Structures are given as structure tokens and as C-alpha cells.
């Protein structure tokens, strides 16, 4: 049975009431999601560019006649990076840089304060392991070698296993625990290629052997 024009219009109105508005809402939502995603990507790109430029300036603080960084400028740039780009790789690498400057200046407490937060929420494995190993060295330099060793417990990521075990050997040797140090050095050596294992690590192993002789 064919419908009159009025009936067709009434049916169309009914369909729109039931389906048109949800479709429109879904379309607007989809558009908002697309626009939001594009804006987020642009924000991330701007963050990366801005953070990268500041980090480059931070590195350039070492370009002085003596090669020593301008500590005031380091502090200023690092604070800006950590404030404006908090949680990014650049902000965390800035903390690593500040910690190095502090160590070079003999300010071990300041170095530890920069490194400790990076262990809790590192931007990636590299930042986390660098902070862990550097903090272990700082603690050892402060006479807290046992605390430093505790940071090195457990297995490291494969790429960092050799350096962690070598550092563990260094701290154990510092404590006079020669057998344990030897075991750590051997573990580090096993994690390296044959060519890489014949340098300073082998010298440490030889020195331990001489000490036992």
C-alpha cells in the first residue's frame, strides 16, 4: 500500500527523532575526538621541540673557555625544563646532567637529591638505570657503600647487565669482599662480547687475583 506524502513526512520525522539526533551526536563526538587527537599530537610535538631546545642550551653551558659549566645557568635551565616539561625525557636527562655537575663540584648531597626521584618514575629504562648506577656511586662516595649495593640488587635490563655487575664488583671490592667482587666482574665479563671484555674489566679481575696471591 502506497503512503501519502503526509504519511511519508510523518514517518521521516519519526525516524529522525529516533535515529537522527544520536547519529548527529556520534558524528560530533567523532569529530571532536579527531580534532582533540590532532591537537594532542601538535602539543606533544611542540613539547618535544621546546624541551629539546632547552636541553641543547643546557648542554651548551659546558662551552666555556675552561670547559666547566656555568653552574648558575645550569640551575636556571634545568629548573625551567623540570617546570615546563615535567615528566619528559628532557626534564629527566636535565636532572642527570645537574647531578653530574653536582658530583664534579663535590656536592654529593645535591647529586643524590637529583637522582633519587628518577628511580621512582623514570621516563624509560635508560634513565632509570643511569640514575640507579650513578646514585649507587654517589652513595659509595658518601661512605654509604652498603646502601649503594642494595640499589644494584636484582637483574638489570640485558643492555645494562654488564655495567651494573661491574659497578657491583667495584663496590664489593671497596668493601674488601674480594670473592664476591670477582664473581660480579666475571658476570659482567660474560655479558660482554669477547672484544669488549678485555679492557678495564679484565684489569680489575687481574688486580683482584694479584691481591689474593
Foldseek 3Di string as FASTA:
>chain_A
DDDDPVVVVVVVVVCCVVPVVVVVVVVVVVVVVVVVVVVVVVVVVVLVVVLVVLLVVLVCQLVDPVSQGPLVSLVVSLVVSCVVVNPDLSNLVSLVVNLVSCVVVVNLVSNLVSLVVCCVRPSDLVSNVSSLLVNCVSCVVVVNNVVSLVSLPDAGDLVCRLVSLQSNLVSCVVVVNLVSSLVSLVRSLVSDDPVVNPPPSVVVNVVSVVVVD
